Amino acid sequence: MFKKITAATLAAALVAPGFAMAETMDANDDGLVSMSEFQTMYPDLGADIFSIIDTNADGALSEDEIEAARATGTLPEAPTDD
Protein backbone atom coordinates (compact mmCIF):
# COMPACT_ATOMS: atom_id res chain seq x y z
CA MET A 1 0.00 0.00 0.00
CA PHE A 2 2.80 2.41 0.88
CA LYS A 3 4.46 1.88 -2.51
CA LYS A 4 1.22 2.70 -4.32
CA ILE A 5 0.74 5.91 -2.34
CA THR A 6 4.36 6.93 -2.84
CA ALA A 7 4.21 6.28 -6.58
CA ALA A 8 0.99 8.25 -6.91
CA THR A 9 2.42 11.14 -4.90
CA LEU A 10 5.59 11.20 -7.00
CA ALA A 11 3.62 11.12 -10.25
CA ALA A 12 1.43 14.00 -9.08
CA ALA A 13 4.49 16.03 -8.07
CA LEU A 14 6.08 15.55 -11.49
CA VAL A 15 2.94 16.58 -13.37
CA ALA A 16 1.80 19.42 -11.10
CA PRO A 17 4.31 22.14 -12.13
CA GLY A 18 3.42 21.91 -15.82
CA PHE A 19 -0.27 21.65 -15.09
CA ALA A 20 -0.14 24.78 -12.97
CA MET A 21 1.61 26.61 -15.80
CA ALA A 22 -1.00 25.77 -18.41
CA GLU A 23 -3.77 26.43 -15.93
CA THR A 24 -2.31 29.91 -15.27
CA MET A 25 -2.10 30.65 -18.99
CA ASP A 26 -5.62 29.31 -19.68
CA ALA A 27 -7.61 32.40 -18.68
CA ASN A 28 -10.99 31.13 -19.94
CA ASP A 29 -10.45 27.69 -18.38
CA ASP A 30 -11.25 25.73 -21.55
CA GLY A 31 -8.25 23.43 -21.25
CA LEU A 32 -6.36 25.09 -24.12
CA VAL A 33 -4.18 28.17 -24.44
CA SER A 34 -5.13 30.54 -27.26
CA MET A 35 -2.78 32.97 -28.98
CA SER A 36 -4.16 35.88 -26.94
CA GLU A 37 -3.74 33.95 -23.67
CA PHE A 38 -0.21 33.01 -24.74
CA GLN A 39 0.70 36.62 -25.52
CA THR A 40 -0.66 37.76 -22.16
CA MET A 41 1.83 35.47 -20.44
CA TYR A 42 4.65 35.93 -22.99
CA PRO A 43 4.26 39.38 -24.60
CA ASP A 44 7.77 39.19 -26.11
CA LEU A 45 7.11 35.92 -27.96
CA GLY A 46 5.33 36.18 -31.27
CA ALA A 47 3.08 34.15 -33.49
CA ASP A 48 6.08 32.34 -34.96
CA ILE A 49 6.92 30.75 -31.59
CA PHE A 50 3.25 30.00 -30.94
CA SER A 51 3.09 28.20 -34.31
CA ILE A 52 6.18 26.15 -33.51
CA ILE A 53 4.69 25.07 -30.18
CA ASP A 54 1.27 24.35 -31.75
CA THR A 55 2.45 21.09 -33.33
CA ASN A 56 -1.02 19.93 -34.40
CA ALA A 57 -1.78 23.37 -35.93
CA ASP A 58 -5.21 23.65 -34.32
CA GLY A 59 -4.68 27.24 -33.20
CA ALA A 60 -4.46 26.41 -29.50
CA LEU A 61 -1.84 24.97 -27.19
CA SER A 62 -2.57 21.83 -25.23
CA GLU A 63 -0.86 20.83 -21.99
CA ASP A 64 1.23 18.30 -23.95
CA GLU A 65 2.37 20.91 -26.47
CA ILE A 66 3.32 23.34 -23.69
CA GLU A 67 5.27 20.67 -21.81
CA ALA A 68 7.07 19.52 -24.97
CA ALA A 69 8.03 23.11 -25.79
CA ARG A 70 9.35 23.65 -22.28
CA ALA A 71 11.31 20.39 -22.43
CA THR A 72 13.02 21.41 -25.68
CA GLY A 73 13.67 24.97 -24.50
CA THR A 74 11.36 26.52 -27.10
CA LEU A 75 9.18 27.94 -24.32
CA PRO A 76 10.92 29.46 -21.29
CA GLU A 77 9.66 29.27 -17.75
CA ALA A 78 6.81 31.63 -16.98
CA PRO A 79 7.94 35.17 -16.35
CA THR A 80 7.67 36.29 -12.75
CA ASP A 81 6.68 39.65 -11.32
CA ASP A 82 9.75 39.99 -9.08
PDB file of N, CA and C in Angstrom:
ATOM      1  N   MET A   1       0.828  -1.193   0.000  1.00  0.00           N
ATOM      2  CA  MET A   1       0.000   0.000   0.000  1.00  0.00           C
ATOM      3  C   MET A   1       0.867   1.249   0.000  1.00  0.00           C
ATOM      4  N   PHE A   2       1.918   1.257   0.808  1.00  0.00           N
ATOM      5  CA  PHE A   2       2.805   2.415   0.882  1.00  0.00           C
ATOM      6  C   PHE A   2       3.430   2.719  -0.470  1.00  0.00           C
ATOM      7  N   LYS A   3       3.840   1.666  -1.204  1.00  0.00           N
ATOM      8  CA  LYS A   3       4.458   1.879  -2.513  1.00  0.00           C
ATOM      9  C   LYS A   3       3.483   2.524  -3.489  1.00  0.00           C
ATOM     10  N   LYS A   4       2.223   2.124  -3.434  1.00  0.00           N
ATOM     11  CA  LYS A   4       1.218   2.701  -4.319  1.00  0.00           C
ATOM     12  C   LYS A   4       1.003   4.177  -4.008  1.00  0.00           C
ATOM     13  N   ILE A   5       0.933   4.510  -2.743  1.00  0.00           N
ATOM     14  CA  ILE A   5       0.738   5.908  -2.344  1.00  0.00           C
ATOM     15  C   ILE A   5       1.957   6.733  -2.732  1.00  0.00           C
ATOM     16  N   THR A   6       3.141   6.211  -2.496  1.00  0.00           N
ATOM     17  CA  THR A   6       4.364   6.931  -2.837  1.00  0.00           C
ATOM     18  C   THR A   6       4.458   7.159  -4.342  1.00  0.00           C
ATOM     19  N   ALA A   7       4.155   6.143  -5.123  1.00  0.00           N
ATOM     20  CA  ALA A   7       4.210   6.279  -6.579  1.00  0.00           C
ATOM     21  C   ALA A   7       3.202   7.315  -7.068  1.00  0.00           C
ATOM     22  N   ALA A   8       2.009   7.293  -6.517  1.00  0.00           N
ATOM     23  CA  ALA A   8       0.985   8.251  -6.915  1.00  0.00           C
ATOM     24  C   ALA A   8       1.389   9.675  -6.523  1.00  0.00           C
ATOM     25  N   THR A   9       1.969   9.823  -5.352  1.00  0.00           N
ATOM     26  CA  THR A   9       2.422  11.141  -4.904  1.00  0.00           C
ATOM     27  C   THR A   9       3.541  11.657  -5.783  1.00  0.00           C
ATOM     28  N   LEU A  10       4.484  10.800  -6.133  1.00  0.00           N
ATOM     29  CA  LEU A  10       5.588  11.195  -7.002  1.00  0.00           C
ATOM     30  C   LEU A  10       5.078  11.581  -8.384  1.00  0.00           C
ATOM     31  N   ALA A  11       4.179  10.807  -8.928  1.00  0.00           N
ATOM     32  CA  ALA A  11       3.618  11.117 -10.248  1.00  0.00           C
ATOM     33  C   ALA A  11       2.895  12.458 -10.222  1.00  0.00           C
ATOM     34  N   ALA A  12       2.139  12.723  -9.197  1.00  0.00           N
ATOM     35  CA  ALA A  12       1.428  14.001  -9.082  1.00  0.00           C
ATOM     36  C   ALA A  12       2.411  15.158  -8.964  1.00  0.00           C
ATOM     37  N   ALA A  13       3.488  14.971  -8.231  1.00  0.00           N
ATOM     38  CA  ALA A  13       4.489  16.027  -8.074  1.00  0.00           C
ATOM     39  C   ALA A  13       5.194  16.339  -9.384  1.00  0.00           C
ATOM     40  N   LEU A  14       5.419  15.330 -10.206  1.00  0.00           N
ATOM     41  CA  LEU A  14       6.082  15.551 -11.486  1.00  0.00           C
ATOM     42  C   LEU A  14       5.180  16.251 -12.487  1.00  0.00           C
ATOM     43  N   VAL A  15       3.889  16.006 -12.427  1.00  0.00           N
ATOM     44  CA  VAL A  15       2.940  16.583 -13.370  1.00  0.00           C
ATOM     45  C   VAL A  15       2.472  17.963 -12.920  1.00  0.00           C
ATOM     46  N   ALA A  16       2.384  18.192 -11.649  1.00  0.00           N
ATOM     47  CA  ALA A  16       1.797  19.420 -11.104  1.00  0.00           C
ATOM     48  C   ALA A  16       2.434  20.714 -11.604  1.00  0.00           C
ATOM     49  N   PRO A  17       3.759  20.853 -11.683  1.00  0.00           N
ATOM     50  CA  PRO A  17       4.310  22.138 -12.130  1.00  0.00           C
ATOM     51  C   PRO A  17       3.862  22.525 -13.533  1.00  0.00           C
ATOM     52  N   GLY A  18       3.866  21.619 -14.468  1.00  0.00           N
ATOM     53  CA  GLY A  18       3.421  21.911 -15.824  1.00  0.00           C
ATOM     54  C   GLY A  18       1.935  22.200 -15.880  1.00  0.00           C
ATOM     55  N   PHE A  19       1.166  21.451 -15.122  1.00  0.00           N
ATOM     56  CA  PHE A  19      -0.270  21.651 -15.095  1.00  0.00           C
ATOM     57  C   PHE A  19      -0.592  23.043 -14.576  1.00  0.00           C
ATOM     58  N   ALA A  20       0.095  23.456 -13.533  1.00  0.00           N
ATOM     59  CA  ALA A  20      -0.143  24.783 -12.974  1.00  0.00           C
ATOM     60  C   ALA A  20       0.187  25.862 -13.996  1.00  0.00           C
ATOM     61  N   MET A  21       1.214  25.644 -14.789  1.00  0.00           N
ATOM     62  CA  MET A  21       1.609  26.608 -15.800  1.00  0.00           C
ATOM     63  C   MET A  21       0.509  26.778 -16.845  1.00  0.00           C
ATOM     64  N   ALA A  22       0.049  25.692 -17.389  1.00  0.00           N
ATOM     65  CA  ALA A  22      -0.995  25.772 -18.408  1.00  0.00           C
ATOM     66  C   ALA A  22      -2.271  26.330 -17.806  1.00  0.00           C
ATOM     67  N   GLU A  23      -2.570  25.946 -16.584  1.00  0.00           N
ATOM     68  CA  GLU A  23      -3.770  26.433 -15.926  1.00  0.00           C
ATOM     69  C   GLU A  23      -3.693  27.951 -15.749  1.00  0.00           C
ATOM     70  N   THR A  24      -2.516  28.474 -15.433  1.00  0.00           N
ATOM     71  CA  THR A  24      -2.313  29.908 -15.269  1.00  0.00           C
ATOM     72  C   THR A  24      -2.485  30.630 -16.592  1.00  0.00           C
ATOM     73  N   MET A  25      -2.000  30.040 -17.673  1.00  0.00           N
ATOM     74  CA  MET A  25      -2.102  30.646 -18.988  1.00  0.00           C
ATOM     75  C   MET A  25      -3.521  30.571 -19.547  1.00  0.00           C
ATOM     76  N   ASP A  26      -4.277  29.576 -19.149  1.00  0.00           N
ATOM     77  CA  ASP A  26      -5.617  29.313 -19.678  1.00  0.00           C
ATOM     78  C   ASP A  26      -6.650  30.180 -18.960  1.00  0.00           C
ATOM     79  N   ALA A  27      -6.759  31.434 -19.363  1.00  0.00           N
ATOM     80  CA  ALA A  27      -7.614  32.400 -18.678  1.00  0.00           C
ATOM     81  C   ALA A  27      -9.099  32.048 -18.735  1.00  0.00           C
ATOM     82  N   ASN A  28      -9.559  31.456 -19.833  1.00  0.00           N
ATOM     83  CA  ASN A  28     -10.986  31.130 -19.938  1.00  0.00           C
ATOM     84  C   ASN A  28     -11.303  29.707 -19.480  1.00  0.00           C
ATOM     85  N   ASP A  29     -10.279  29.002 -18.997  1.00  0.00           N
ATOM     86  CA  ASP A  29     -10.451  27.686 -18.378  1.00  0.00           C
ATOM     87  C   ASP A  29     -11.089  26.659 -19.310  1.00  0.00           C
ATOM     88  N   ASP A  30     -10.704  26.706 -20.603  1.00  0.00           N
ATOM     89  CA  ASP A  30     -11.250  25.731 -21.553  1.00  0.00           C
ATOM     90  C   ASP A  30     -10.311  24.553 -21.808  1.00  0.00           C
ATOM     91  N   GLY A  31      -9.191  24.535 -21.103  1.00  0.00           N
ATOM     92  CA  GLY A  31      -8.249  23.432 -21.251  1.00  0.00           C
ATOM     93  C   GLY A  31      -7.222  23.643 -22.346  1.00  0.00           C
ATOM     94  N   LEU A  32      -7.300  24.762 -23.058  1.00  0.00           N
ATOM     95  CA  LEU A  32      -6.359  25.086 -24.123  1.00  0.00           C
ATOM     96  C   LEU A  32      -5.885  26.525 -23.951  1.00  0.00           C
ATOM     97  N   VAL A  33      -4.724  26.822 -24.520  1.00  0.00           N
ATOM     98  CA  VAL A  33      -4.179  28.170 -24.444  1.00  0.00           C
ATOM     99  C   VAL A  33      -4.231  28.785 -25.841  1.00  0.00           C
ATOM    100  N   SER A  34      -5.002  29.846 -25.981  1.00  0.00           N
ATOM    101  CA  SER A  34      -5.132  30.543 -27.262  1.00  0.00           C
ATOM    102  C   SER A  34      -3.945  31.473 -27.475  1.00  0.00           C
ATOM    103  N   MET A  35      -3.841  32.015 -28.669  1.00  0.00           N
ATOM    104  CA  MET A  35      -2.778  32.965 -28.976  1.00  0.00           C
ATOM    105  C   MET A  35      -2.848  34.179 -28.053  1.00  0.00           C
ATOM    106  N   SER A  36      -4.044  34.706 -27.808  1.00  0.00           N
ATOM    107  CA  SER A  36      -4.164  35.878 -26.937  1.00  0.00           C
ATOM    108  C   SER A  36      -3.774  35.544 -25.498  1.00  0.00           C
ATOM    109  N   GLU A  37      -4.143  34.360 -25.019  1.00  0.00           N
ATOM    110  CA  GLU A  37      -3.740  33.946 -23.671  1.00  0.00           C
ATOM    111  C   GLU A  37      -2.224  33.774 -23.606  1.00  0.00           C
ATOM    112  N   PHE A  38      -1.648  33.207 -24.653  1.00  0.00           N
ATOM    113  CA  PHE A  38      -0.206  33.009 -24.738  1.00  0.00           C
ATOM    114  C   PHE A  38       0.517  34.353 -24.697  1.00  0.00           C
ATOM    115  N   GLN A  39       0.034  35.315 -25.467  1.00  0.00           N
ATOM    116  CA  GLN A  39       0.695  36.617 -25.519  1.00  0.00           C
ATOM    117  C   GLN A  39       0.525  37.411 -24.224  1.00  0.00           C
ATOM    118  N   THR A  40      -0.517  37.129 -23.469  1.00  0.00           N
ATOM    119  CA  THR A  40      -0.662  37.765 -22.158  1.00  0.00           C
ATOM    120  C   THR A  40       0.453  37.303 -21.234  1.00  0.00           C
ATOM    121  N   MET A  41       0.782  36.018 -21.292  1.00  0.00           N
ATOM    122  CA  MET A  41       1.831  35.466 -20.442  1.00  0.00           C
ATOM    123  C   MET A  41       3.228  35.759 -21.001  1.00  0.00           C
ATOM    124  N   TYR A  42       3.357  35.736 -22.323  1.00  0.00           N
ATOM    125  CA  TYR A  42       4.645  35.927 -22.992  1.00  0.00           C
ATOM    126  C   TYR A  42       4.534  37.037 -24.046  1.00  0.00           C
ATOM    127  N   PRO A  43       4.449  38.298 -23.633  1.00  0.00           N
ATOM    128  CA  PRO A  43       4.259  39.379 -24.603  1.00  0.00           C
ATOM    129  C   PRO A  43       5.426  39.545 -25.584  1.00  0.00           C
ATOM    130  N   ASP A  44       6.600  39.051 -25.232  1.00  0.00           N
ATOM    131  CA  ASP A  44       7.766  39.187 -26.114  1.00  0.00           C
ATOM    132  C   ASP A  44       7.894  38.060 -27.129  1.00  0.00           C
ATOM    133  N   LEU A  45       7.069  37.028 -27.007  1.00  0.00           N
ATOM    134  CA  LEU A  45       7.114  35.917 -27.959  1.00  0.00           C
ATOM    135  C   LEU A  45       5.995  36.094 -28.968  1.00  0.00           C
ATOM    136  N   GLY A  46       6.306  35.918 -30.214  1.00  0.00           N
ATOM    137  CA  GLY A  46       5.333  36.178 -31.271  1.00  0.00           C
ATOM    138  C   GLY A  46       4.617  34.954 -31.781  1.00  0.00           C
ATOM    139  N   ALA A  47       3.870  35.187 -32.846  1.00  0.00           N
ATOM    140  CA  ALA A  47       3.079  34.149 -33.488  1.00  0.00           C
ATOM    141  C   ALA A  47       3.959  33.037 -34.051  1.00  0.00           C
ATOM    142  N   ASP A  48       5.183  33.369 -34.426  1.00  0.00           N
ATOM    143  CA  ASP A  48       6.082  32.340 -34.956  1.00  0.00           C
ATOM    144  C   ASP A  48       6.403  31.285 -33.903  1.00  0.00           C
ATOM    145  N   ILE A  49       6.651  31.712 -32.671  1.00  0.00           N
ATOM    146  CA  ILE A  49       6.922  30.755 -31.587  1.00  0.00           C
ATOM    147  C   ILE A  49       5.655  29.974 -31.256  1.00  0.00           C
ATOM    148  N   PHE A  50       4.517  30.667 -31.199  1.00  0.00           N
ATOM    149  CA  PHE A  50       3.245  29.999 -30.944  1.00  0.00           C
ATOM    150  C   PHE A  50       3.019  28.893 -31.974  1.00  0.00           C
ATOM    151  N   SER A  51       3.282  29.184 -33.241  1.00  0.00           N
ATOM    152  CA  SER A  51       3.090  28.200 -34.311  1.00  0.00           C
ATOM    153  C   SER A  51       4.015  27.001 -34.175  1.00  0.00           C
ATOM    154  N   ILE A  52       5.237  27.252 -33.734  1.00  0.00           N
ATOM    155  CA  ILE A  52       6.182  26.147 -33.508  1.00  0.00           C
ATOM    156  C   ILE A  52       5.678  25.242 -32.390  1.00  0.00           C
ATOM    157  N   ILE A  53       5.180  25.841 -31.329  1.00  0.00           N
ATOM    158  CA  ILE A  53       4.687  25.073 -30.177  1.00  0.00           C
ATOM    159  C   ILE A  53       3.406  24.322 -30.534  1.00  0.00           C
ATOM    160  N   ASP A  54       2.563  24.927 -31.361  1.00  0.00           N
ATOM    161  CA  ASP A  54       1.273  24.346 -31.755  1.00  0.00           C
ATOM    162  C   ASP A  54       1.509  23.270 -32.828  1.00  0.00           C
ATOM    163  N   THR A  55       2.018  22.135 -32.396  1.00  0.00           N
ATOM    164  CA  THR A  55       2.452  21.090 -33.329  1.00  0.00           C
ATOM    165  C   THR A  55       1.319  20.463 -34.132  1.00  0.00           C
ATOM    166  N   ASN A  56       0.090  20.494 -33.625  1.00  0.00           N
ATOM    167  CA  ASN A  56      -1.018  19.933 -34.404  1.00  0.00           C
ATOM    168  C   ASN A  56      -1.752  21.011 -35.206  1.00  0.00           C
ATOM    169  N   ALA A  57      -1.260  22.247 -35.147  1.00  0.00           N
ATOM    170  CA  ALA A  57      -1.779  23.371 -35.931  1.00  0.00           C
ATOM    171  C   ALA A  57      -3.281  23.589 -35.777  1.00  0.00           C
ATOM    172  N   ASP A  58      -3.785  23.420 -34.545  1.00  0.00           N
ATOM    173  CA  ASP A  58      -5.213  23.645 -34.320  1.00  0.00           C
ATOM    174  C   ASP A  58      -5.514  25.051 -33.798  1.00  0.00           C
ATOM    175  N   GLY A  59      -4.482  25.870 -33.655  1.00  0.00           N
ATOM    176  CA  GLY A  59      -4.677  27.239 -33.203  1.00  0.00           C
ATOM    177  C   GLY A  59      -4.748  27.413 -31.711  1.00  0.00           C
ATOM    178  N   ALA A  60      -4.457  26.354 -30.960  1.00  0.00           N
ATOM    179  CA  ALA A  60      -4.462  26.411 -29.503  1.00  0.00           C
ATOM    180  C   ALA A  60      -3.380  25.478 -28.973  1.00  0.00           C
ATOM    181  N   LEU A  61      -2.879  25.796 -27.794  1.00  0.00           N
ATOM    182  CA  LEU A  61      -1.839  24.968 -27.194  1.00  0.00           C
ATOM    183  C   LEU A  61      -2.433  24.067 -26.121  1.00  0.00           C
ATOM    184  N   SER A  62      -2.138  22.795 -26.244  1.00  0.00           N
ATOM    185  CA  SER A  62      -2.566  21.832 -25.226  1.00  0.00           C
ATOM    186  C   SER A  62      -1.488  21.729 -24.155  1.00  0.00           C
ATOM    187  N   GLU A  63      -1.822  21.081 -23.070  1.00  0.00           N
ATOM    188  CA  GLU A  63      -0.857  20.834 -21.993  1.00  0.00           C
ATOM    189  C   GLU A  63       0.359  20.082 -22.534  1.00  0.00           C
ATOM    190  N   ASP A  64       0.128  19.079 -23.382  1.00  0.00           N
ATOM    191  CA  ASP A  64       1.229  18.296 -23.948  1.00  0.00           C
ATOM    192  C   ASP A  64       2.144  19.154 -24.817  1.00  0.00           C
ATOM    193  N   GLU A  65       1.567  20.037 -25.611  1.00  0.00           N
ATOM    194  CA  GLU A  65       2.368  20.911 -26.467  1.00  0.00           C
ATOM    195  C   GLU A  65       3.199  21.885 -25.630  1.00  0.00           C
ATOM    196  N   ILE A  66       2.610  22.410 -24.572  1.00  0.00           N
ATOM    197  CA  ILE A  66       3.325  23.336 -23.691  1.00  0.00           C
ATOM    198  C   ILE A  66       4.479  22.616 -23.006  1.00  0.00           C
ATOM    199  N   GLU A  67       4.218  21.434 -22.484  1.00  0.00           N
ATOM    200  CA  GLU A  67       5.265  20.672 -21.808  1.00  0.00           C
ATOM    201  C   GLU A  67       6.389  20.279 -22.765  1.00  0.00           C
ATOM    202  N   ALA A  68       6.043  19.881 -23.976  1.00  0.00           N
ATOM    203  CA  ALA A  68       7.066  19.517 -24.966  1.00  0.00           C
ATOM    204  C   ALA A  68       7.922  20.732 -25.315  1.00  0.00           C
ATOM    205  N   ALA A  69       7.292  21.887 -25.463  1.00  0.00           N
ATOM    206  CA  ALA A  69       8.030  23.111 -25.789  1.00  0.00           C
ATOM    207  C   ALA A  69       8.943  23.522 -24.643  1.00  0.00           C
ATOM    208  N   ARG A  70       8.503  23.334 -23.430  1.00  0.00           N
ATOM    209  CA  ARG A  70       9.354  23.646 -22.275  1.00  0.00           C
ATOM    210  C   ARG A  70      10.514  22.668 -22.190  1.00  0.00           C
ATOM    211  N   ALA A  71      10.258  21.410 -22.502  1.00  0.00           N
ATOM    212  CA  ALA A  71      11.307  20.394 -22.434  1.00  0.00           C
ATOM    213  C   ALA A  71      12.410  20.635 -23.464  1.00  0.00           C
ATOM    214  N   THR A  72      12.034  21.155 -24.623  1.00  0.00           N
ATOM    215  CA  THR A  72      13.024  21.413 -25.676  1.00  0.00           C
ATOM    216  C   THR A  72      13.648  22.794 -25.568  1.00  0.00           C
ATOM    217  N   GLY A  73      13.142  23.621 -24.669  1.00  0.00           N
ATOM    218  CA  GLY A  73      13.669  24.966 -24.500  1.00  0.00           C
ATOM    219  C   GLY A  73      13.034  25.993 -25.427  1.00  0.00           C
ATOM    220  N   THR A  74      12.054  25.590 -26.206  1.00  0.00           N
ATOM    221  CA  THR A  74      11.362  26.518 -27.096  1.00  0.00           C
ATOM    222  C   THR A  74      10.559  27.530 -26.288  1.00  0.00           C
ATOM    223  N   LEU A  75       9.986  27.082 -25.187  1.00  0.00           N
ATOM    224  CA  LEU A  75       9.184  27.941 -24.317  1.00  0.00           C
ATOM    225  C   LEU A  75       9.888  28.062 -22.976  1.00  0.00           C
ATOM    226  N   PRO A  76      10.259  29.281 -22.585  1.00  0.00           N
ATOM    227  CA  PRO A  76      10.922  29.460 -21.290  1.00  0.00           C
ATOM    228  C   PRO A  76       9.942  29.312 -20.139  1.00  0.00           C
ATOM    229  N   GLU A  77      10.489  29.270 -18.947  1.00  0.00           N
ATOM    230  CA  GLU A  77       9.655  29.265 -17.748  1.00  0.00           C
ATOM    231  C   GLU A  77       8.792  30.522 -17.758  1.00  0.00           C
ATOM    232  N   ALA A  78       7.702  30.471 -17.056  1.00  0.00           N
ATOM    233  CA  ALA A  78       6.808  31.628 -16.985  1.00  0.00           C
ATOM    234  C   ALA A  78       7.527  32.808 -16.368  1.00  0.00           C
ATOM    235  N   PRO A  79       7.333  33.986 -16.934  1.00  0.00           N
ATOM    236  CA  PRO A  79       7.942  35.175 -16.345  1.00  0.00           C
ATOM    237  C   PRO A  79       7.349  35.415 -14.967  1.00  0.00           C
ATOM    238  N   THR A  80       8.147  35.978 -14.094  1.00  0.00           N
ATOM    239  CA  THR A  80       7.667  36.288 -12.749  1.00  0.00           C
ATOM    240  C   THR A  80       7.598  37.804 -12.568  1.00  0.00           C
ATOM    241  N   ASP A  81       6.840  38.221 -11.596  1.00  0.00           N
ATOM    242  CA  ASP A  81       6.675  39.655 -11.320  1.00  0.00           C
ATOM    243  C   ASP A  81       7.590  40.105 -10.192  1.00  0.00           C
ATOM    244  N   ASP A  82       8.808  39.609 -10.157  1.00  0.00           N
ATOM    245  CA  ASP A  82       9.748  39.986  -9.077  1.00  0.00           C
ATOM    246  C   ASP A  82      10.250  41.390  -9.225  1.00  0.00           C
TER     247      ASP A  82
END
